Amino acid sequence: MVQKSIICVIRFYQKFISPITPPTCRFYPTCSHYGLEAVSRFGPIKGSWLTMKRILKCHPFHPGGIDPVPEKENNDDTQKD
């Protein structure tokens, strides 16, 4: 429920707010796309935390660049060699 609400807020931003503002994100994927992927992959708490950290890095003094959402760690101990 919370996860869907966060995703709806991000999609609202992408559809209605982002088109009327100049492009300012210094990263690929954009911060809003990063947020969608982070919340979808990690859930509302960790995904929101990762998104906020990313947004705080998006300023003129940071070089930006490619910054993908981290992979989700697989803590499955059944695959030990």
PDB file of N, CA and C in Angstrom:
ATOM      1  N   MET A   1       0.825  -1.195   0.000  1.00  0.00           N
ATOM      2  CA  MET A   1       0.000   0.000   0.000  1.00  0.00           C
ATOM      3  C   MET A   1       0.870   1.261   0.000  1.00  0.00           C
ATOM      4  N   VAL A   2       1.821   1.328   0.934  1.00  0.00           N
ATOM      5  CA  VAL A   2       2.713   2.486   1.011  1.00  0.00           C
ATOM      6  C   VAL A   2       3.585   2.555  -0.238  1.00  0.00           C
ATOM      7  N   GLN A   3       4.065   1.400  -0.670  1.00  0.00           N
ATOM      8  CA  GLN A   3       4.917   1.346  -1.861  1.00  0.00           C
ATOM      9  C   GLN A   3       4.167   1.885  -3.077  1.00  0.00           C
ATOM     10  N   LYS A   4       2.921   1.483  -3.248  1.00  0.00           N
ATOM     11  CA  LYS A   4       2.121   1.964  -4.379  1.00  0.00           C
ATOM     12  C   LYS A   4       1.882   3.466  -4.281  1.00  0.00           C
ATOM     13  N   SER A   5       1.687   3.976  -3.074  1.00  0.00           N
ATOM     14  CA  SER A   5       1.478   5.415  -2.887  1.00  0.00           C
ATOM     15  C   SER A   5       2.716   6.208  -3.297  1.00  0.00           C
ATOM     16  N   ILE A   6       3.884   5.727  -2.906  1.00  0.00           N
ATOM     17  CA  ILE A   6       5.131   6.408  -3.268  1.00  0.00           C
ATOM     18  C   ILE A   6       5.320   6.382  -4.778  1.00  0.00           C
ATOM     19  N   ILE A   7       5.044   5.246  -5.393  1.00  0.00           N
ATOM     20  CA  ILE A   7       5.178   5.131  -6.846  1.00  0.00           C
ATOM     21  C   ILE A   7       4.203   6.076  -7.544  1.00  0.00           C
ATOM     22  N   CYS A   8       2.980   6.210  -7.027  1.00  0.00           N
ATOM     23  CA  CYS A   8       2.004   7.145  -7.611  1.00  0.00           C
ATOM     24  C   CYS A   8       2.491   8.588  -7.514  1.00  0.00           C
ATOM     25  N   VAL A   9       3.097   8.953  -6.399  1.00  0.00           N
ATOM     26  CA  VAL A   9       3.625  10.315  -6.240  1.00  0.00           C
ATOM     27  C   VAL A   9       4.738  10.569  -7.255  1.00  0.00           C
ATOM     28  N   ILE A  10       5.631   9.612  -7.437  1.00  0.00           N
ATOM     29  CA  ILE A  10       6.726   9.778  -8.398  1.00  0.00           C
ATOM     30  C   ILE A  10       6.172   9.876  -9.816  1.00  0.00           C
ATOM     31  N   ARG A  11       5.209   9.029 -10.147  1.00  0.00           N
ATOM     32  CA  ARG A  11       4.616   9.071 -11.490  1.00  0.00           C
ATOM     33  C   ARG A  11       3.874  10.391 -11.722  1.00  0.00           C
ATOM     34  N   PHE A  12       3.197  10.907 -10.695  1.00  0.00           N
ATOM     35  CA  PHE A  12       2.544  12.216 -10.801  1.00  0.00           C
ATOM     36  C   PHE A  12       3.584  13.285 -11.121  1.00  0.00           C
ATOM     37  N   TYR A  13       4.687  13.254 -10.401  1.00  0.00           N
ATOM     38  CA  TYR A  13       5.772  14.203 -10.662  1.00  0.00           C
ATOM     39  C   TYR A  13       6.252  14.081 -12.109  1.00  0.00           C
ATOM     40  N   GLN A  14       6.475  12.852 -12.575  1.00  0.00           N
ATOM     41  CA  GLN A  14       6.978  12.644 -13.932  1.00  0.00           C
ATOM     42  C   GLN A  14       5.992  13.141 -14.986  1.00  0.00           C
ATOM     43  N   LYS A  15       4.714  12.961 -14.741  1.00  0.00           N
ATOM     44  CA  LYS A  15       3.711  13.295 -15.749  1.00  0.00           C
ATOM     45  C   LYS A  15       3.316  14.764 -15.740  1.00  0.00           C
ATOM     46  N   PHE A  16       3.221  15.383 -14.567  1.00  0.00           N
ATOM     47  CA  PHE A  16       2.664  16.728 -14.489  1.00  0.00           C
ATOM     48  C   PHE A  16       3.653  17.823 -14.093  1.00  0.00           C
ATOM     49  N   ILE A  17       4.659  17.512 -13.320  1.00  0.00           N
ATOM     50  CA  ILE A  17       5.585  18.547 -12.854  1.00  0.00           C
ATOM     51  C   ILE A  17       6.847  18.586 -13.703  1.00  0.00           C
ATOM     52  N   SER A  18       7.437  17.445 -13.946  1.00  0.00           N
ATOM     53  CA  SER A  18       8.683  17.386 -14.712  1.00  0.00           C
ATOM     54  C   SER A  18       8.585  18.024 -16.099  1.00  0.00           C
ATOM     55  N   PRO A  19       7.483  17.832 -16.842  1.00  0.00           N
ATOM     56  CA  PRO A  19       7.418  18.436 -18.180  1.00  0.00           C
ATOM     57  C   PRO A  19       7.415  19.969 -18.189  1.00  0.00           C
ATOM     58  N   ILE A  20       7.027  20.599 -17.081  1.00  0.00           N
ATOM     59  CA  ILE A  20       6.976  22.064 -17.080  1.00  0.00           C
ATOM     60  C   ILE A  20       8.207  22.698 -16.430  1.00  0.00           C
ATOM     61  N   THR A  21       9.155  21.881 -16.017  1.00  0.00           N
ATOM     62  CA  THR A  21      10.398  22.402 -15.444  1.00  0.00           C
ATOM     63  C   THR A  21      11.562  22.042 -16.358  1.00  0.00           C
ATOM     64  N   PRO A  22      12.600  22.859 -16.360  1.00  0.00           N
ATOM     65  CA  PRO A  22      13.759  22.529 -17.208  1.00  0.00           C
ATOM     66  C   PRO A  22      14.475  21.291 -16.678  1.00  0.00           C
ATOM     67  N   PRO A  23      15.105  20.516 -17.564  1.00  0.00           N
ATOM     68  CA  PRO A  23      15.838  19.332 -17.105  1.00  0.00           C
ATOM     69  C   PRO A  23      17.036  19.742 -16.248  1.00  0.00           C
ATOM     70  N   THR A  24      17.115  19.203 -15.050  1.00  0.00           N
ATOM     71  CA  THR A  24      18.201  19.580 -14.142  1.00  0.00           C
ATOM     72  C   THR A  24      18.952  18.393 -13.560  1.00  0.00           C
ATOM     73  N   CYS A  25      18.452  17.179 -13.757  1.00  0.00           N
ATOM     74  CA  CYS A  25      19.097  16.019 -13.145  1.00  0.00           C
ATOM     75  C   CYS A  25      20.457  15.777 -13.789  1.00  0.00           C
ATOM     76  N   ARG A  26      21.463  15.577 -12.957  1.00  0.00           N
ATOM     77  CA  ARG A  26      22.830  15.388 -13.421  1.00  0.00           C
ATOM     78  C   ARG A  26      23.181  13.918 -13.602  1.00  0.00           C
ATOM     79  N   PHE A  27      22.219  13.055 -13.388  1.00  0.00           N
ATOM     80  CA  PHE A  27      22.486  11.622 -13.386  1.00  0.00           C
ATOM     81  C   PHE A  27      21.696  10.878 -14.448  1.00  0.00           C
ATOM     82  N   TYR A  28      22.174   9.675 -14.738  1.00  0.00           N
ATOM     83  CA  TYR A  28      21.417   8.720 -15.527  1.00  0.00           C
ATOM     84  C   TYR A  28      21.366   7.435 -14.718  1.00  0.00           C
ATOM     85  N   PRO A  29      20.209   6.875 -14.492  1.00  0.00           N
ATOM     86  CA  PRO A  29      18.883   7.366 -14.850  1.00  0.00           C
ATOM     87  C   PRO A  29      18.524   8.599 -14.023  1.00  0.00           C
ATOM     88  N   THR A  30      17.508   9.331 -14.476  1.00  0.00           N
ATOM     89  CA  THR A  30      17.113  10.530 -13.750  1.00  0.00           C
ATOM     90  C   THR A  30      16.704  10.159 -12.326  1.00  0.00           C
ATOM     91  N   CYS A  31      16.668  11.140 -11.462  1.00  0.00           N
ATOM     92  CA  CYS A  31      16.348  10.877 -10.060  1.00  0.00           C
ATOM     93  C   CYS A  31      14.957  10.262  -9.898  1.00  0.00           C
ATOM     94  N   SER A  32      13.990  10.694 -10.710  1.00  0.00           N
ATOM     95  CA  SER A  32      12.648  10.120 -10.572  1.00  0.00           C
ATOM     96  C   SER A  32      12.615   8.669 -11.052  1.00  0.00           C
ATOM     97  N   HIS A  33      13.325   8.363 -12.132  1.00  0.00           N
ATOM     98  CA  HIS A  33      13.395   6.969 -12.581  1.00  0.00           C
ATOM     99  C   HIS A  33      14.161   6.111 -11.564  1.00  0.00           C
ATOM    100  N   TYR A  34      15.208   6.683 -10.996  1.00  0.00           N
ATOM    101  CA  TYR A  34      15.960   5.999  -9.940  1.00  0.00           C
ATOM    102  C   TYR A  34      15.020   5.676  -8.775  1.00  0.00           C
ATOM    103  N   GLY A  35      14.208   6.660  -8.380  1.00  0.00           N
ATOM    104  CA  GLY A  35      13.278   6.466  -7.275  1.00  0.00           C
ATOM    105  C   GLY A  35      12.277   5.353  -7.537  1.00  0.00           C
ATOM    106  N   LEU A  36      11.732   5.323  -8.754  1.00  0.00           N
ATOM    107  CA  LEU A  36      10.794   4.250  -9.101  1.00  0.00           C
ATOM    108  C   LEU A  36      11.451   2.885  -8.975  1.00  0.00           C
ATOM    109  N   GLU A  37      12.649   2.775  -9.524  1.00  0.00           N
ATOM    110  CA  GLU A  37      13.341   1.490  -9.492  1.00  0.00           C
ATOM    111  C   GLU A  37      13.735   1.102  -8.067  1.00  0.00           C
ATOM    112  N   ALA A  38      14.219   2.072  -7.289  1.00  0.00           N
ATOM    113  CA  ALA A  38      14.646   1.786  -5.914  1.00  0.00           C
ATOM    114  C   ALA A  38      13.473   1.333  -5.046  1.00  0.00           C
ATOM    115  N   VAL A  39      12.351   2.024  -5.146  1.00  0.00           N
ATOM    116  CA  VAL A  39      11.183   1.656  -4.338  1.00  0.00           C
ATOM    117  C   VAL A  39      10.623   0.313  -4.796  1.00  0.00           C
ATOM    118  N   SER A  40      10.614   0.071  -6.096  1.00  0.00           N
ATOM    119  CA  SER A  40      10.126  -1.217  -6.607  1.00  0.00           C
ATOM    120  C   SER A  40      11.031  -2.368  -6.167  1.00  0.00           C
ATOM    121  N   ARG A  41      12.334  -2.131  -6.174  1.00  0.00           N
ATOM    122  CA  ARG A  41      13.287  -3.201  -5.859  1.00  0.00           C
ATOM    123  C   ARG A  41      13.432  -3.440  -4.358  1.00  0.00           C
ATOM    124  N   PHE A  42      13.484  -2.367  -3.571  1.00  0.00           N
ATOM    125  CA  PHE A  42      13.805  -2.497  -2.144  1.00  0.00           C
ATOM    126  C   PHE A  42      12.641  -2.234  -1.197  1.00  0.00           C
ATOM    127  N   GLY A  43      11.505  -1.800  -1.722  1.00  0.00           N
ATOM    128  CA  GLY A  43      10.375  -1.495  -0.858  1.00  0.00           C
ATOM    129  C   GLY A  43      10.367  -0.032  -0.453  1.00  0.00           C
ATOM    130  N   PRO A  44       9.334   0.389   0.282  1.00  0.00           N
ATOM    131  CA  PRO A  44       9.158   1.812   0.554  1.00  0.00           C
ATOM    132  C   PRO A  44      10.197   2.435   1.482  1.00  0.00           C
ATOM    133  N   ILE A  45      10.708   1.699   2.437  1.00  0.00           N
ATOM    134  CA  ILE A  45      11.635   2.304   3.403  1.00  0.00           C
ATOM    135  C   ILE A  45      13.030   2.446   2.812  1.00  0.00           C
ATOM    136  N   LYS A  46      13.645   1.339   2.444  1.00  0.00           N
ATOM    137  CA  LYS A  46      14.999   1.413   1.891  1.00  0.00           C
ATOM    138  C   LYS A  46      14.998   2.128   0.542  1.00  0.00           C
ATOM    139  N   GLY A  47      13.967   1.897  -0.277  1.00  0.00           N
ATOM    140  CA  GLY A  47      13.882   2.564  -1.575  1.00  0.00           C
ATOM    141  C   GLY A  47      13.797   4.076  -1.431  1.00  0.00           C
ATOM    142  N   SER A  48      13.014   4.542  -0.470  1.00  0.00           N
ATOM    143  CA  SER A  48      12.914   5.990  -0.226  1.00  0.00           C
ATOM    144  C   SER A  48      14.230   6.549   0.299  1.00  0.00           C
ATOM    145  N   TRP A  49      14.900   5.792   1.168  1.00  0.00           N
ATOM    146  CA  TRP A  49      16.196   6.219   1.696  1.00  0.00           C
ATOM    147  C   TRP A  49      17.214   6.374   0.564  1.00  0.00           C
ATOM    148  N   LEU A  50      17.299   5.375  -0.318  1.00  0.00           N
ATOM    149  CA  LEU A  50      18.229   5.447  -1.450  1.00  0.00           C
ATOM    150  C   LEU A  50      17.889   6.624  -2.362  1.00  0.00           C
ATOM    151  N   THR A  51      16.599   6.853  -2.574  1.00  0.00           N
ATOM    152  CA  THR A  51      16.167   7.954  -3.432  1.00  0.00           C
ATOM    153  C   THR A  51      16.536   9.303  -2.817  1.00  0.00           C
ATOM    154  N   MET A  52      16.334   9.461  -1.519  1.00  0.00           N
ATOM    155  CA  MET A  52      16.688  10.729  -0.867  1.00  0.00           C
ATOM    156  C   MET A  52      18.192  10.973  -0.927  1.00  0.00           C
ATOM    157  N   LYS A  53      18.991   9.908  -0.719  1.00  0.00           N
ATOM    158  CA  LYS A  53      20.445  10.071  -0.829  1.00  0.00           C
ATOM    159  C   LYS A  53      20.819  10.516  -2.237  1.00  0.00           C
ATOM    160  N   ARG A  54      20.173   9.946  -3.229  1.00  0.00           N
ATOM    161  CA  ARG A  54      20.454  10.300  -4.625  1.00  0.00           C
ATOM    162  C   ARG A  54      20.070  11.751  -4.905  1.00  0.00           C
ATOM    163  N   ILE A  55      18.886  12.174  -4.461  1.00  0.00           N
ATOM    164  CA  ILE A  55      18.430  13.549  -4.691  1.00  0.00           C
ATOM    165  C   ILE A  55      19.374  14.542  -4.015  1.00  0.00           C
ATOM    166  N   LEU A  56      19.883  14.208  -2.838  1.00  0.00           N
ATOM    167  CA  LEU A  56      20.810  15.106  -2.148  1.00  0.00           C
ATOM    168  C   LEU A  56      22.149  15.231  -2.870  1.00  0.00           C
ATOM    169  N   LYS A  57      22.505  14.233  -3.692  1.00  0.00           N
ATOM    170  CA  LYS A  57      23.740  14.315  -4.492  1.00  0.00           C
ATOM    171  C   LYS A  57      23.545  15.132  -5.762  1.00  0.00           C
ATOM    172  N   CYS A  58      22.307  15.408  -6.127  1.00  0.00           N
ATOM    173  CA  CYS A  58      22.008  16.071  -7.399  1.00  0.00           C
ATOM    174  C   CYS A  58      22.072  17.591  -7.211  1.00  0.00           C
ATOM    175  N   HIS A  59      23.289  18.120  -7.290  1.00  0.00           N
ATOM    176  CA  HIS A  59      23.498  19.562  -7.148  1.00  0.00           C
ATOM    177  C   HIS A  59      24.652  19.983  -8.054  1.00  0.00           C
ATOM    178  N   PRO A  60      24.833  21.277  -8.276  1.00  0.00           N
ATOM    179  CA  PRO A  60      25.841  21.747  -9.238  1.00  0.00           C
ATOM    180  C   PRO A  60      27.280  21.375  -8.908  1.00  0.00           C
ATOM    181  N   PHE A  61      27.580  21.042  -7.672  1.00  0.00           N
ATOM    182  CA  PHE A  61      28.955  20.746  -7.293  1.00  0.00           C
ATOM    183  C   PHE A  61      29.295  19.256  -7.399  1.00  0.00           C
ATOM    184  N   HIS A  62      28.336  18.445  -7.777  1.00  0.00           N
ATOM    185  CA  HIS A  62      28.563  17.008  -7.983  1.00  0.00           C
ATOM    186  C   HIS A  62      28.621  16.760  -9.483  1.00  0.00           C
ATOM    187  N   PRO A  63      29.587  15.982  -9.949  1.00  0.00           N
ATOM    188  CA  PRO A  63      29.726  15.799 -11.397  1.00  0.00           C
ATOM    189  C   PRO A  63      28.593  15.008 -12.040  1.00  0.00           C
ATOM    190  N   GLY A  64      27.827  14.244 -11.270  1.00  0.00           N
ATOM    191  CA  GLY A  64      26.753  13.452 -11.860  1.00  0.00           C
ATOM    192  C   GLY A  64      27.302  12.236 -12.569  1.00  0.00           C
ATOM    193  N   GLY A  65      26.603  11.789 -13.610  1.00  0.00           N
ATOM    194  CA  GLY A  65      27.037  10.632 -14.378  1.00  0.00           C
ATOM    195  C   GLY A  65      26.083   9.464 -14.232  1.00  0.00           C
ATOM    196  N   ILE A  66      26.588   8.287 -14.532  1.00  0.00           N
ATOM    197  CA  ILE A  66      25.770   7.078 -14.448  1.00  0.00           C
ATOM    198  C   ILE A  66      25.788   6.577 -13.007  1.00  0.00           C
ATOM    199  N   ASP A  67      24.611   6.431 -12.420  1.00  0.00           N
ATOM    200  CA  ASP A  67      24.476   6.021 -11.023  1.00  0.00           C
ATOM    201  C   ASP A  67      23.259   5.107 -10.897  1.00  0.00           C
ATOM    202  N   PRO A  68      23.416   3.815 -11.225  1.00  0.00           N
ATOM    203  CA  PRO A  68      22.264   2.912 -11.178  1.00  0.00           C
ATOM    204  C   PRO A  68      21.872   2.540  -9.750  1.00  0.00           C
ATOM    205  N   VAL A  69      20.655   2.063  -9.615  1.00  0.00           N
ATOM    206  CA  VAL A  69      20.182   1.539  -8.334  1.00  0.00           C
ATOM    207  C   VAL A  69      21.002   0.288  -8.016  1.00  0.00           C
ATOM    208  N   PRO A  70      21.486   0.141  -6.783  1.00  0.00           N
ATOM    209  CA  PRO A  70      22.268  -1.057  -6.455  1.00  0.00           C
ATOM    210  C   PRO A  70      21.432  -2.324  -6.611  1.00  0.00           C
ATOM    211  N   GLU A  71      22.126  -3.403  -6.879  1.00  0.00           N
ATOM    212  CA  GLU A  71      21.448  -4.696  -6.979  1.00  0.00           C
ATOM    213  C   GLU A  71      21.028  -5.149  -5.588  1.00  0.00           C
ATOM    214  N   LYS A  72      19.944  -5.859  -5.529  1.00  0.00           N
ATOM    215  CA  LYS A  72      19.483  -6.399  -4.253  1.00  0.00           C
ATOM    216  C   LYS A  72      20.330  -7.618  -3.933  1.00  0.00           C
ATOM    217  N   GLU A  73      20.902  -7.639  -2.731  1.00  0.00           N
ATOM    218  CA  GLU A  73      21.754  -8.754  -2.328  1.00  0.00           C
ATOM    219  C   GLU A  73      20.910  -9.987  -2.089  1.00  0.00           C
ATOM    220  N   ASN A  74      21.418 -11.110  -2.561  1.00  0.00           N
ATOM    221  CA  ASN A  74      20.741 -12.383  -2.339  1.00  0.00           C
ATOM    222  C   ASN A  74      21.392 -13.048  -1.134  1.00  0.00           C
ATOM    223  N   ASN A  75      20.686 -13.111  -0.037  1.00  0.00           N
ATOM    224  CA  ASN A  75      21.218 -13.702   1.195  1.00  0.00           C
ATOM    225  C   ASN A  75      20.819 -15.164   1.332  1.00  0.00           C
ATOM    226  N   ASP A  76      20.651 -15.828   0.208  1.00  0.00           N
ATOM    227  CA  ASP A  76      20.256 -17.234   0.212  1.00  0.00           C
ATOM    228  C   ASP A  76      21.480 -18.096   0.502  1.00  0.00           C
ATOM    229  N   ASP A  77      21.526 -18.724   1.673  1.00  0.00           N
ATOM    230  CA  ASP A  77      22.672 -19.540   2.075  1.00  0.00           C
ATOM    231  C   ASP A  77      22.647 -20.943   1.476  1.00  0.00           C
ATOM    232  N   THR A  78      21.617 -21.264   0.708  1.00  0.00           N
ATOM    233  CA  THR A  78      21.521 -22.613   0.150  1.00  0.00           C
ATOM    234  C   THR A  78      22.433 -22.806  -1.049  1.00  0.00           C
ATOM    235  N   GLN A  79      23.036 -21.735  -1.562  1.00  0.00           N
ATOM    236  CA  GLN A  79      23.878 -21.839  -2.746  1.00  0.00           C
ATOM    237  C   GLN A  79      25.360 -21.836  -2.400  1.00  0.00           C
ATOM    238  N   LYS A  80      25.728 -22.303  -1.224  1.00  0.00           N
ATOM    239  CA  LYS A  80      27.137 -22.362  -0.837  1.00  0.00           C
ATOM    240  C   LYS A  80      27.819 -23.498  -1.569  1.00  0.00           C
ATOM    241  N   ASP A  81      29.085 -23.280  -1.937  1.00  0.00           N
ATOM    242  CA  ASP A  81      29.862 -24.318  -2.635  1.00  0.00           C
ATOM    243  C   ASP A  81      30.535 -25.240  -1.663  1.00  0.00           C
TER     244      ASP A  81
END
